[in-house]
Amino acid sequence: MHKNKSFSELLKTPHQIVQGTYGLRPMSEKDRSCVKDLFDHLSSKSRYYRYYQYLNDLPEDLLNKIVQANRKDDLAIGAFLQHDNSEEKTLIGIVRYVEESIPGEAEFSISVRDDFQHEGVGSHLMEIIFRAAQENGYKKLHGYVMSDNHEMLTLMSNLGAECTRDPDDMTMMITTFTVK
C-alpha cells in the first residue's frame, strides 16, 4: 500500500497487471457504456454477490447513480485498462462509497470483472477509496458481503476489515474498516 500518497497522487499512479496497465479516475457521465460493459463481463454469480439478486441487465437508476457519483458524499472510482496506441479504455473495476445517516460513516461497494480478479485490482481500489474517504473526513467504511462469498470475505479480512454477521440478516456479513 502507498501509505504516504494522497488521493490525487494515487489517481495519477498507473498500475501494471498481467493484462496490461490500468489507471484510476472518478466516474463520470461519459462512462455509461463502460459501466454497462463491466456489468456484462460479470458472471451471474458475481452479479448475484454484488447486487444480492440475479440481474440480466443493469437497472438504469443504478447506472445513473454510478456515473453521477463524483461528490464528497457519494464517490465512485473506476479502474480503466489502457489499450496500446488507442484512446479506448476498458473499465475493469469500480469502487464506490455513499455517506450514511451516521456522521463520519459511509457504505462501500466494489466490483471487479471476473477476468481481472486475483490480480490485485480489488485491493488497489479499496486502497484508493480508503484514502478518498480519509481525505473527505470519514472515520468508518462498511460493506455488506453475502456470508457464502468466501473470496470477498477473505479479501476484506486480509485488508483489515472487522467481519461480523448482520444481526438483521443471517445471510449477510458486515465488513467494517476504520479509516486511518
N, C-alpha and C. Protein backbone atom coordinates (compact mmCIF):
# COMPACT_ATOMS: atom_id res chain seq x y z
N MET A 1 0.83 -1.19 0.00
CA MET A 1 0.00 0.00 0.00
C MET A 1 0.87 1.24 0.00
N HIS A 2 0.31 2.32 -0.46
CA HIS A 2 1.02 3.59 -0.59
C HIS A 2 0.56 4.52 0.53
N LYS A 3 1.01 4.28 1.74
CA LYS A 3 0.52 4.98 2.92
C LYS A 3 0.71 6.50 2.86
N ASN A 4 1.75 6.97 2.22
CA ASN A 4 2.06 8.39 2.25
C ASN A 4 1.52 9.17 1.05
N LYS A 5 0.87 8.49 0.12
CA LYS A 5 0.38 9.18 -1.06
C LYS A 5 -1.04 9.71 -0.82
N SER A 6 -1.29 10.91 -1.35
CA SER A 6 -2.63 11.49 -1.26
C SER A 6 -3.55 10.83 -2.28
N PHE A 7 -4.82 11.11 -2.13
CA PHE A 7 -5.82 10.60 -3.07
C PHE A 7 -5.47 10.99 -4.50
N SER A 8 -5.15 12.26 -4.72
CA SER A 8 -4.84 12.72 -6.08
C SER A 8 -3.56 12.08 -6.61
N GLU A 9 -2.58 11.84 -5.74
CA GLU A 9 -1.36 11.15 -6.18
C GLU A 9 -1.65 9.71 -6.56
N LEU A 10 -2.50 9.05 -5.78
CA LEU A 10 -2.86 7.66 -6.10
C LEU A 10 -3.59 7.57 -7.44
N LEU A 11 -4.42 8.57 -7.73
CA LEU A 11 -5.13 8.57 -9.02
C LEU A 11 -4.16 8.68 -10.19
N LYS A 12 -3.06 9.34 -10.00
CA LYS A 12 -2.10 9.55 -11.09
C LYS A 12 -1.15 8.38 -11.29
N THR A 13 -1.16 7.41 -10.37
CA THR A 13 -0.20 6.31 -10.42
C THR A 13 -0.75 5.15 -11.24
N PRO A 14 -0.18 4.86 -12.43
CA PRO A 14 -0.63 3.71 -13.21
C PRO A 14 -0.17 2.41 -12.55
N HIS A 15 -0.92 1.36 -12.78
CA HIS A 15 -0.59 0.06 -12.20
C HIS A 15 -0.51 -1.00 -13.27
N GLN A 16 0.47 -1.86 -13.13
CA GLN A 16 0.72 -2.93 -14.09
C GLN A 16 0.13 -4.24 -13.56
N ILE A 17 -0.60 -4.93 -14.41
CA ILE A 17 -1.09 -6.27 -14.13
C ILE A 17 -0.75 -7.14 -15.34
N VAL A 18 -1.04 -8.41 -15.28
CA VAL A 18 -0.70 -9.33 -16.36
C VAL A 18 -1.27 -8.85 -17.71
N GLN A 19 -2.51 -8.36 -17.70
CA GLN A 19 -3.17 -7.97 -18.95
C GLN A 19 -2.79 -6.58 -19.45
N GLY A 20 -1.98 -5.84 -18.70
CA GLY A 20 -1.58 -4.52 -19.16
C GLY A 20 -1.52 -3.52 -18.02
N THR A 21 -1.69 -2.25 -18.37
CA THR A 21 -1.62 -1.15 -17.41
C THR A 21 -2.99 -0.54 -17.24
N TYR A 22 -3.34 -0.25 -15.99
CA TYR A 22 -4.61 0.44 -15.75
C TYR A 22 -4.37 1.68 -14.90
N GLY A 23 -5.29 2.63 -15.07
CA GLY A 23 -5.28 3.85 -14.28
C GLY A 23 -6.60 4.00 -13.57
N LEU A 24 -6.63 4.90 -12.62
CA LEU A 24 -7.82 5.16 -11.82
C LEU A 24 -8.31 6.58 -12.05
N ARG A 25 -9.64 6.74 -12.00
CA ARG A 25 -10.21 8.09 -12.04
C ARG A 25 -11.65 8.02 -11.56
N PRO A 26 -12.17 9.18 -11.10
CA PRO A 26 -13.57 9.22 -10.72
C PRO A 26 -14.47 8.94 -11.93
N MET A 27 -15.60 8.32 -11.66
CA MET A 27 -16.56 8.01 -12.73
C MET A 27 -17.27 9.29 -13.16
N SER A 28 -17.74 9.30 -14.42
CA SER A 28 -18.48 10.45 -14.94
C SER A 28 -19.53 9.97 -15.94
N GLU A 29 -20.35 10.90 -16.37
CA GLU A 29 -21.43 10.59 -17.32
C GLU A 29 -20.90 9.93 -18.59
N LYS A 30 -19.68 10.28 -19.00
CA LYS A 30 -19.14 9.72 -20.24
C LYS A 30 -18.82 8.23 -20.13
N ASP A 31 -18.92 7.68 -18.90
CA ASP A 31 -18.57 6.28 -18.66
C ASP A 31 -19.76 5.32 -18.71
N ARG A 32 -20.91 5.78 -19.16
CA ARG A 32 -22.12 4.94 -19.16
C ARG A 32 -21.89 3.61 -19.88
N SER A 33 -21.34 3.66 -21.08
CA SER A 33 -21.15 2.42 -21.84
C SER A 33 -20.09 1.53 -21.18
N CYS A 34 -19.10 2.14 -20.54
CA CYS A 34 -18.08 1.34 -19.84
C CYS A 34 -18.68 0.59 -18.66
N VAL A 35 -19.57 1.24 -17.92
CA VAL A 35 -20.22 0.59 -16.77
C VAL A 35 -21.09 -0.56 -17.25
N LYS A 36 -21.81 -0.35 -18.35
CA LYS A 36 -22.64 -1.43 -18.90
C LYS A 36 -21.76 -2.60 -19.34
N ASP A 37 -20.62 -2.29 -19.96
CA ASP A 37 -19.70 -3.34 -20.39
C ASP A 37 -19.14 -4.11 -19.20
N LEU A 38 -18.78 -3.40 -18.13
CA LEU A 38 -18.31 -4.08 -16.92
C LEU A 38 -19.38 -5.02 -16.40
N PHE A 39 -20.61 -4.54 -16.31
CA PHE A 39 -21.72 -5.38 -15.84
C PHE A 39 -21.85 -6.62 -16.72
N ASP A 40 -21.75 -6.43 -18.04
CA ASP A 40 -21.87 -7.56 -18.98
C ASP A 40 -20.75 -8.57 -18.83
N HIS A 41 -19.62 -8.15 -18.25
CA HIS A 41 -18.49 -9.05 -18.04
C HIS A 41 -18.40 -9.60 -16.62
N LEU A 42 -19.49 -9.46 -15.87
CA LEU A 42 -19.60 -10.11 -14.57
C LEU A 42 -20.40 -11.39 -14.77
N SER A 43 -19.93 -12.47 -14.20
CA SER A 43 -20.69 -13.73 -14.27
C SER A 43 -21.98 -13.58 -13.48
N SER A 44 -22.92 -14.48 -13.70
CA SER A 44 -24.17 -14.41 -12.94
C SER A 44 -23.89 -14.53 -11.44
N LYS A 45 -22.88 -15.32 -11.07
CA LYS A 45 -22.50 -15.46 -9.66
C LYS A 45 -21.98 -14.12 -9.12
N SER A 46 -21.12 -13.46 -9.87
CA SER A 46 -20.58 -12.16 -9.44
C SER A 46 -21.68 -11.12 -9.33
N ARG A 47 -22.60 -11.13 -10.27
CA ARG A 47 -23.73 -10.19 -10.22
C ARG A 47 -24.58 -10.45 -8.97
N TYR A 48 -24.82 -11.72 -8.69
CA TYR A 48 -25.62 -12.06 -7.53
C TYR A 48 -24.92 -11.61 -6.24
N TYR A 49 -23.64 -11.86 -6.13
CA TYR A 49 -22.90 -11.46 -4.95
C TYR A 49 -22.84 -9.93 -4.80
N ARG A 50 -22.78 -9.23 -5.91
CA ARG A 50 -22.69 -7.77 -5.85
C ARG A 50 -24.04 -7.11 -5.59
N TYR A 51 -25.11 -7.59 -6.24
CA TYR A 51 -26.41 -6.93 -6.17
C TYR A 51 -27.44 -7.71 -5.34
N TYR A 52 -27.04 -8.88 -4.81
CA TYR A 52 -27.89 -9.70 -3.94
C TYR A 52 -29.15 -10.21 -4.63
N GLN A 53 -29.09 -10.27 -5.94
CA GLN A 53 -30.17 -10.82 -6.75
C GLN A 53 -29.62 -11.12 -8.14
N TYR A 54 -30.32 -11.96 -8.88
CA TYR A 54 -29.90 -12.26 -10.24
C TYR A 54 -30.44 -11.18 -11.16
N LEU A 55 -29.55 -10.50 -11.84
CA LEU A 55 -29.92 -9.44 -12.78
C LEU A 55 -29.38 -9.77 -14.15
N ASN A 56 -30.22 -9.63 -15.16
CA ASN A 56 -29.76 -9.79 -16.54
C ASN A 56 -29.26 -8.48 -17.11
N ASP A 57 -29.81 -7.39 -16.61
CA ASP A 57 -29.44 -6.05 -17.08
C ASP A 57 -29.22 -5.14 -15.88
N LEU A 58 -28.35 -4.17 -16.05
CA LEU A 58 -28.11 -3.18 -15.01
C LEU A 58 -29.25 -2.17 -15.03
N PRO A 59 -29.97 -2.02 -13.93
CA PRO A 59 -31.08 -1.06 -13.91
C PRO A 59 -30.59 0.36 -14.19
N GLU A 60 -31.36 1.09 -14.98
CA GLU A 60 -30.99 2.44 -15.40
C GLU A 60 -30.76 3.37 -14.20
N ASP A 61 -31.58 3.25 -13.16
CA ASP A 61 -31.40 4.13 -11.99
C ASP A 61 -30.07 3.86 -11.29
N LEU A 62 -29.64 2.62 -11.25
CA LEU A 62 -28.35 2.29 -10.64
C LEU A 62 -27.20 2.79 -11.52
N LEU A 63 -27.33 2.61 -12.82
CA LEU A 63 -26.33 3.14 -13.75
C LEU A 63 -26.17 4.64 -13.56
N ASN A 64 -27.30 5.36 -13.45
CA ASN A 64 -27.25 6.80 -13.24
C ASN A 64 -26.52 7.16 -11.94
N LYS A 65 -26.80 6.42 -10.88
CA LYS A 65 -26.16 6.69 -9.60
C LYS A 65 -24.64 6.50 -9.69
N ILE A 66 -24.21 5.47 -10.41
CA ILE A 66 -22.78 5.19 -10.52
C ILE A 66 -22.06 6.29 -11.29
N VAL A 67 -22.58 6.67 -12.44
CA VAL A 67 -21.89 7.66 -13.27
C VAL A 67 -22.01 9.08 -12.72
N GLN A 68 -22.93 9.29 -11.79
CA GLN A 68 -23.09 10.61 -11.18
C GLN A 68 -22.44 10.69 -9.79
N ALA A 69 -21.76 9.62 -9.37
CA ALA A 69 -21.15 9.57 -8.03
C ALA A 69 -19.76 10.20 -8.08
N ASN A 70 -19.73 11.50 -8.04
CA ASN A 70 -18.45 12.20 -8.08
C ASN A 70 -18.44 13.39 -7.13
N ARG A 71 -19.01 13.13 -5.94
CA ARG A 71 -19.04 14.15 -4.89
C ARG A 71 -18.38 13.59 -3.62
N LYS A 72 -18.14 14.47 -2.68
CA LYS A 72 -17.53 14.07 -1.41
C LYS A 72 -18.37 13.01 -0.69
N ASP A 73 -19.70 13.11 -0.76
CA ASP A 73 -20.58 12.19 -0.02
C ASP A 73 -21.04 10.98 -0.83
N ASP A 74 -20.65 10.92 -2.09
CA ASP A 74 -21.03 9.81 -2.97
C ASP A 74 -19.99 9.77 -4.08
N LEU A 75 -19.03 8.84 -3.95
CA LEU A 75 -17.88 8.84 -4.84
C LEU A 75 -17.66 7.46 -5.43
N ALA A 76 -17.49 7.40 -6.74
CA ALA A 76 -17.16 6.15 -7.43
C ALA A 76 -15.88 6.34 -8.22
N ILE A 77 -14.97 5.38 -8.07
CA ILE A 77 -13.68 5.41 -8.77
C ILE A 77 -13.62 4.17 -9.67
N GLY A 78 -13.22 4.38 -10.91
CA GLY A 78 -13.09 3.28 -11.85
C GLY A 78 -11.64 2.96 -12.15
N ALA A 79 -11.36 1.68 -12.39
CA ALA A 79 -10.06 1.22 -12.86
C ALA A 79 -10.20 0.94 -14.35
N PHE A 80 -9.44 1.66 -15.16
CA PHE A 80 -9.56 1.58 -16.62
C PHE A 80 -8.28 1.01 -17.23
N LEU A 81 -8.42 -0.14 -17.90
CA LEU A 81 -7.30 -0.74 -18.61
C LEU A 81 -7.03 0.06 -19.86
N GLN A 82 -5.77 0.43 -20.05
CA GLN A 82 -5.38 1.21 -21.21
C GLN A 82 -4.99 0.28 -22.35
N HIS A 83 -5.44 0.61 -23.55
CA HIS A 83 -5.09 -0.18 -24.72
C HIS A 83 -3.98 0.52 -25.49
N ASP A 84 -3.05 -0.26 -26.03
CA ASP A 84 -1.92 0.30 -26.77
C ASP A 84 -2.39 1.15 -27.93
N ASN A 85 -1.73 2.30 -28.09
CA ASN A 85 -1.96 3.19 -29.24
C ASN A 85 -3.42 3.50 -29.47
N SER A 86 -4.18 3.68 -28.40
CA SER A 86 -5.61 3.93 -28.55
C SER A 86 -6.12 4.76 -27.38
N GLU A 87 -7.13 5.54 -27.64
CA GLU A 87 -7.81 6.27 -26.57
C GLU A 87 -8.82 5.36 -25.86
N GLU A 88 -9.09 4.20 -26.45
CA GLU A 88 -10.06 3.27 -25.89
C GLU A 88 -9.55 2.71 -24.57
N LYS A 89 -10.47 2.62 -23.60
CA LYS A 89 -10.14 2.05 -22.31
C LYS A 89 -11.26 1.12 -21.88
N THR A 90 -10.90 0.09 -21.14
CA THR A 90 -11.87 -0.88 -20.65
C THR A 90 -11.99 -0.75 -19.14
N LEU A 91 -13.20 -0.57 -18.65
CA LEU A 91 -13.45 -0.49 -17.22
C LEU A 91 -13.36 -1.90 -16.65
N ILE A 92 -12.40 -2.11 -15.72
CA ILE A 92 -12.21 -3.45 -15.17
C ILE A 92 -12.65 -3.56 -13.71
N GLY A 93 -12.98 -2.42 -13.10
CA GLY A 93 -13.45 -2.45 -11.71
C GLY A 93 -13.94 -1.09 -11.26
N ILE A 94 -14.83 -1.12 -10.28
CA ILE A 94 -15.38 0.11 -9.70
C ILE A 94 -15.45 -0.08 -8.19
N VAL A 95 -15.12 0.97 -7.47
CA VAL A 95 -15.35 1.02 -6.03
C VAL A 95 -16.12 2.31 -5.75
N ARG A 96 -17.02 2.25 -4.79
CA ARG A 96 -17.87 3.40 -4.50
C ARG A 96 -18.16 3.45 -3.02
N TYR A 97 -18.28 4.66 -2.49
CA TYR A 97 -18.84 4.82 -1.16
C TYR A 97 -19.96 5.84 -1.21
N VAL A 98 -20.93 5.68 -0.30
CA VAL A 98 -22.06 6.58 -0.17
C VAL A 98 -22.20 6.90 1.32
N GLU A 99 -22.29 8.18 1.62
CA GLU A 99 -22.44 8.61 3.01
C GLU A 99 -23.73 8.06 3.61
N GLU A 100 -23.65 7.73 4.87
CA GLU A 100 -24.81 7.22 5.60
C GLU A 100 -25.35 8.27 6.55
N SER A 101 -26.38 7.90 7.28
CA SER A 101 -27.00 8.85 8.20
C SER A 101 -26.15 9.12 9.44
N ILE A 102 -25.22 8.23 9.74
CA ILE A 102 -24.31 8.43 10.88
C ILE A 102 -23.14 9.29 10.41
N PRO A 103 -22.92 10.44 11.02
CA PRO A 103 -21.81 11.30 10.60
C PRO A 103 -20.47 10.56 10.64
N GLY A 104 -19.69 10.74 9.59
CA GLY A 104 -18.36 10.14 9.52
C GLY A 104 -18.34 8.70 9.04
N GLU A 105 -19.49 8.17 8.62
CA GLU A 105 -19.54 6.78 8.14
C GLU A 105 -20.14 6.73 6.74
N ALA A 106 -19.66 5.74 5.97
CA ALA A 106 -20.16 5.53 4.61
C ALA A 106 -20.17 4.04 4.31
N GLU A 107 -21.04 3.67 3.38
CA GLU A 107 -21.12 2.29 2.91
C GLU A 107 -20.36 2.19 1.59
N PHE A 108 -19.56 1.14 1.45
CA PHE A 108 -18.81 0.95 0.20
C PHE A 108 -19.33 -0.27 -0.54
N SER A 109 -19.03 -0.29 -1.83
CA SER A 109 -19.29 -1.47 -2.68
C SER A 109 -18.16 -1.54 -3.69
N ILE A 110 -17.94 -2.75 -4.20
CA ILE A 110 -16.84 -2.95 -5.15
C ILE A 110 -17.22 -4.05 -6.14
N SER A 111 -16.81 -3.86 -7.38
CA SER A 111 -16.97 -4.88 -8.43
C SER A 111 -15.71 -4.91 -9.27
N VAL A 112 -15.24 -6.12 -9.58
CA VAL A 112 -14.11 -6.31 -10.49
C VAL A 112 -14.52 -7.35 -11.51
N ARG A 113 -14.26 -7.05 -12.78
CA ARG A 113 -14.58 -8.02 -13.84
C ARG A 113 -14.00 -9.38 -13.51
N ASP A 114 -14.75 -10.42 -13.82
CA ASP A 114 -14.30 -11.78 -13.50
C ASP A 114 -12.92 -12.09 -14.07
N ASP A 115 -12.65 -11.64 -15.29
CA ASP A 115 -11.37 -11.97 -15.92
C ASP A 115 -10.21 -11.10 -15.43
N PHE A 116 -10.46 -10.23 -14.45
CA PHE A 116 -9.40 -9.42 -13.85
C PHE A 116 -9.31 -9.62 -12.34
N GLN A 117 -10.05 -10.58 -11.82
CA GLN A 117 -9.98 -10.88 -10.39
C GLN A 117 -8.67 -11.60 -10.08
N HIS A 118 -8.23 -11.50 -8.85
CA HIS A 118 -7.00 -12.13 -8.35
C HIS A 118 -5.74 -11.51 -8.97
N GLU A 119 -5.85 -10.25 -9.40
CA GLU A 119 -4.70 -9.51 -9.96
C GLU A 119 -4.30 -8.34 -9.08
N GLY A 120 -5.01 -8.14 -7.95
CA GLY A 120 -4.72 -7.01 -7.07
C GLY A 120 -5.55 -5.77 -7.35
N VAL A 121 -6.42 -5.84 -8.35
CA VAL A 121 -7.24 -4.67 -8.70
C VAL A 121 -8.19 -4.31 -7.56
N GLY A 122 -8.82 -5.31 -6.96
CA GLY A 122 -9.75 -5.06 -5.86
C GLY A 122 -9.05 -4.43 -4.66
N SER A 123 -7.89 -4.94 -4.31
CA SER A 123 -7.12 -4.36 -3.20
C SER A 123 -6.74 -2.92 -3.49
N HIS A 124 -6.33 -2.67 -4.72
CA HIS A 124 -5.93 -1.32 -5.12
C HIS A 124 -7.13 -0.38 -5.07
N LEU A 125 -8.29 -0.83 -5.55
CA LEU A 125 -9.49 0.00 -5.50
C LEU A 125 -9.88 0.31 -4.06
N MET A 126 -9.75 -0.67 -3.18
CA MET A 126 -10.06 -0.42 -1.78
C MET A 126 -9.08 0.59 -1.18
N GLU A 127 -7.82 0.50 -1.54
CA GLU A 127 -6.83 1.47 -1.06
C GLU A 127 -7.22 2.89 -1.46
N ILE A 128 -7.64 3.06 -2.71
CA ILE A 128 -7.97 4.40 -3.18
C ILE A 128 -9.23 4.93 -2.50
N ILE A 129 -10.20 4.05 -2.23
CA ILE A 129 -11.43 4.53 -1.59
C ILE A 129 -11.17 4.84 -0.12
N PHE A 130 -10.26 4.09 0.52
CA PHE A 130 -9.87 4.42 1.89
C PHE A 130 -9.27 5.83 1.94
N ARG A 131 -8.36 6.10 1.02
CA ARG A 131 -7.69 7.40 1.01
C ARG A 131 -8.69 8.52 0.72
N ALA A 132 -9.58 8.32 -0.23
CA ALA A 132 -10.60 9.34 -0.54
C ALA A 132 -11.49 9.57 0.68
N ALA A 133 -11.92 8.49 1.31
CA ALA A 133 -12.78 8.61 2.50
C ALA A 133 -12.05 9.37 3.61
N GLN A 134 -10.78 9.03 3.82
CA GLN A 134 -10.00 9.69 4.86
C GLN A 134 -9.89 11.19 4.58
N GLU A 135 -9.55 11.54 3.35
CA GLU A 135 -9.40 12.95 3.00
C GLU A 135 -10.72 13.71 3.04
N ASN A 136 -11.84 12.98 2.91
CA ASN A 136 -13.16 13.61 2.97
C ASN A 136 -13.78 13.53 4.36
N GLY A 137 -12.99 13.12 5.35
CA GLY A 137 -13.43 13.19 6.74
C GLY A 137 -14.19 11.99 7.28
N TYR A 138 -14.20 10.87 6.56
CA TYR A 138 -14.90 9.68 7.06
C TYR A 138 -14.00 8.90 8.00
N LYS A 139 -14.62 8.31 9.01
CA LYS A 139 -13.89 7.53 10.01
C LYS A 139 -14.10 6.03 9.85
N LYS A 140 -15.25 5.65 9.28
CA LYS A 140 -15.55 4.23 9.08
C LYS A 140 -16.20 4.01 7.72
N LEU A 141 -15.82 2.89 7.09
CA LEU A 141 -16.45 2.41 5.87
C LEU A 141 -16.92 1.00 6.16
N HIS A 142 -18.11 0.69 5.71
CA HIS A 142 -18.55 -0.70 5.85
C HIS A 142 -19.29 -1.14 4.60
N GLY A 143 -19.22 -2.43 4.37
CA GLY A 143 -19.89 -3.02 3.23
C GLY A 143 -20.56 -4.31 3.63
N TYR A 144 -21.53 -4.70 2.84
CA TYR A 144 -22.26 -5.94 3.08
C TYR A 144 -21.77 -7.00 2.11
N VAL A 145 -21.49 -8.17 2.64
CA VAL A 145 -21.00 -9.29 1.83
C VAL A 145 -21.82 -10.52 2.20
N MET A 146 -22.29 -11.23 1.18
CA MET A 146 -23.03 -12.46 1.45
C MET A 146 -22.11 -13.44 2.18
N SER A 147 -22.66 -14.13 3.17
CA SER A 147 -21.83 -14.98 4.03
C SER A 147 -21.19 -16.15 3.29
N ASP A 148 -21.70 -16.52 2.11
CA ASP A 148 -21.07 -17.61 1.36
C ASP A 148 -20.10 -17.09 0.28
N ASN A 149 -19.86 -15.78 0.25
CA ASN A 149 -18.91 -15.19 -0.69
C ASN A 149 -17.52 -15.20 -0.03
N HIS A 150 -16.95 -16.38 0.05
CA HIS A 150 -15.71 -16.58 0.78
C HIS A 150 -14.53 -15.79 0.22
N GLU A 151 -14.47 -15.64 -1.10
CA GLU A 151 -13.36 -14.90 -1.70
C GLU A 151 -13.38 -13.44 -1.25
N MET A 152 -14.56 -12.83 -1.28
CA MET A 152 -14.66 -11.42 -0.88
C MET A 152 -14.41 -11.26 0.61
N LEU A 153 -14.92 -12.18 1.41
CA LEU A 153 -14.68 -12.10 2.85
C LEU A 153 -13.20 -12.26 3.16
N THR A 154 -12.51 -13.12 2.43
CA THR A 154 -11.07 -13.29 2.61
C THR A 154 -10.34 -12.00 2.25
N LEU A 155 -10.70 -11.39 1.11
CA LEU A 155 -10.08 -10.13 0.71
C LEU A 155 -10.30 -9.07 1.77
N MET A 156 -11.54 -8.92 2.22
CA MET A 156 -11.84 -7.89 3.22
C MET A 156 -11.06 -8.14 4.51
N SER A 157 -10.99 -9.38 4.93
CA SER A 157 -10.24 -9.73 6.14
C SER A 157 -8.76 -9.43 5.95
N ASN A 158 -8.21 -9.80 4.79
CA ASN A 158 -6.79 -9.53 4.52
C ASN A 158 -6.47 -8.03 4.49
N LEU A 159 -7.47 -7.22 4.14
CA LEU A 159 -7.29 -5.76 4.11
C LEU A 159 -7.50 -5.13 5.48
N GLY A 160 -7.89 -5.95 6.48
CA GLY A 160 -8.02 -5.45 7.84
C GLY A 160 -9.43 -5.18 8.31
N ALA A 161 -10.43 -5.67 7.58
CA ALA A 161 -11.81 -5.44 8.00
C ALA A 161 -12.17 -6.27 9.21
N GLU A 162 -13.06 -5.72 10.01
CA GLU A 162 -13.72 -6.48 11.06
C GLU A 162 -14.97 -7.06 10.42
N CYS A 163 -15.11 -8.36 10.41
CA CYS A 163 -16.24 -9.02 9.77
C CYS A 163 -17.17 -9.58 10.84
N THR A 164 -18.42 -9.13 10.80
CA THR A 164 -19.42 -9.59 11.77
C THR A 164 -20.70 -9.96 11.03
N ARG A 165 -21.44 -10.88 11.60
CA ARG A 165 -22.71 -11.27 11.00
C ARG A 165 -23.72 -10.14 11.18
N ASP A 166 -24.50 -9.88 10.13
CA ASP A 166 -25.55 -8.86 10.19
C ASP A 166 -26.67 -9.39 11.09
N PRO A 167 -26.97 -8.71 12.19
CA PRO A 167 -28.00 -9.21 13.10
C PRO A 167 -29.40 -9.21 12.49
N ASP A 168 -29.59 -8.43 11.43
CA ASP A 168 -30.90 -8.37 10.78
C ASP A 168 -31.05 -9.33 9.62
N ASP A 169 -29.93 -9.93 9.16
CA ASP A 169 -29.97 -10.83 8.01
C ASP A 169 -28.82 -11.82 8.15
N MET A 170 -29.13 -13.02 8.55
CA MET A 170 -28.09 -14.02 8.83
C MET A 170 -27.35 -14.48 7.58
N THR A 171 -27.82 -14.12 6.39
CA THR A 171 -27.11 -14.49 5.16
C THR A 171 -26.04 -13.46 4.79
N MET A 172 -25.94 -12.39 5.58
CA MET A 172 -25.01 -11.30 5.25
C MET A 172 -23.98 -11.10 6.35
N MET A 173 -22.81 -10.67 5.92
CA MET A 173 -21.75 -10.25 6.83
C MET A 173 -21.54 -8.75 6.62
N ILE A 174 -21.20 -8.07 7.68
CA ILE A 174 -20.86 -6.65 7.60
C ILE A 174 -19.36 -6.54 7.77
N THR A 175 -18.71 -5.95 6.76
CA THR A 175 -17.26 -5.74 6.83
C THR A 175 -17.02 -4.28 7.14
N THR A 176 -16.32 -4.00 8.22
CA THR A 176 -16.11 -2.63 8.68
C THR A 176 -14.63 -2.30 8.72
N PHE A 177 -14.29 -1.16 8.15
CA PHE A 177 -12.93 -0.64 8.17
C PHE A 177 -12.91 0.67 8.95
N THR A 178 -11.96 0.79 9.84
CA THR A 178 -11.69 2.07 10.48
C THR A 178 -10.68 2.78 9.59
N VAL A 179 -11.07 3.93 9.07
CA VAL A 179 -10.22 4.67 8.15
C VAL A 179 -9.21 5.46 8.97
N LYS A 180 -7.93 5.25 8.67
CA LYS A 180 -6.86 5.91 9.45
C LYS A 180 -6.12 6.90 8.58
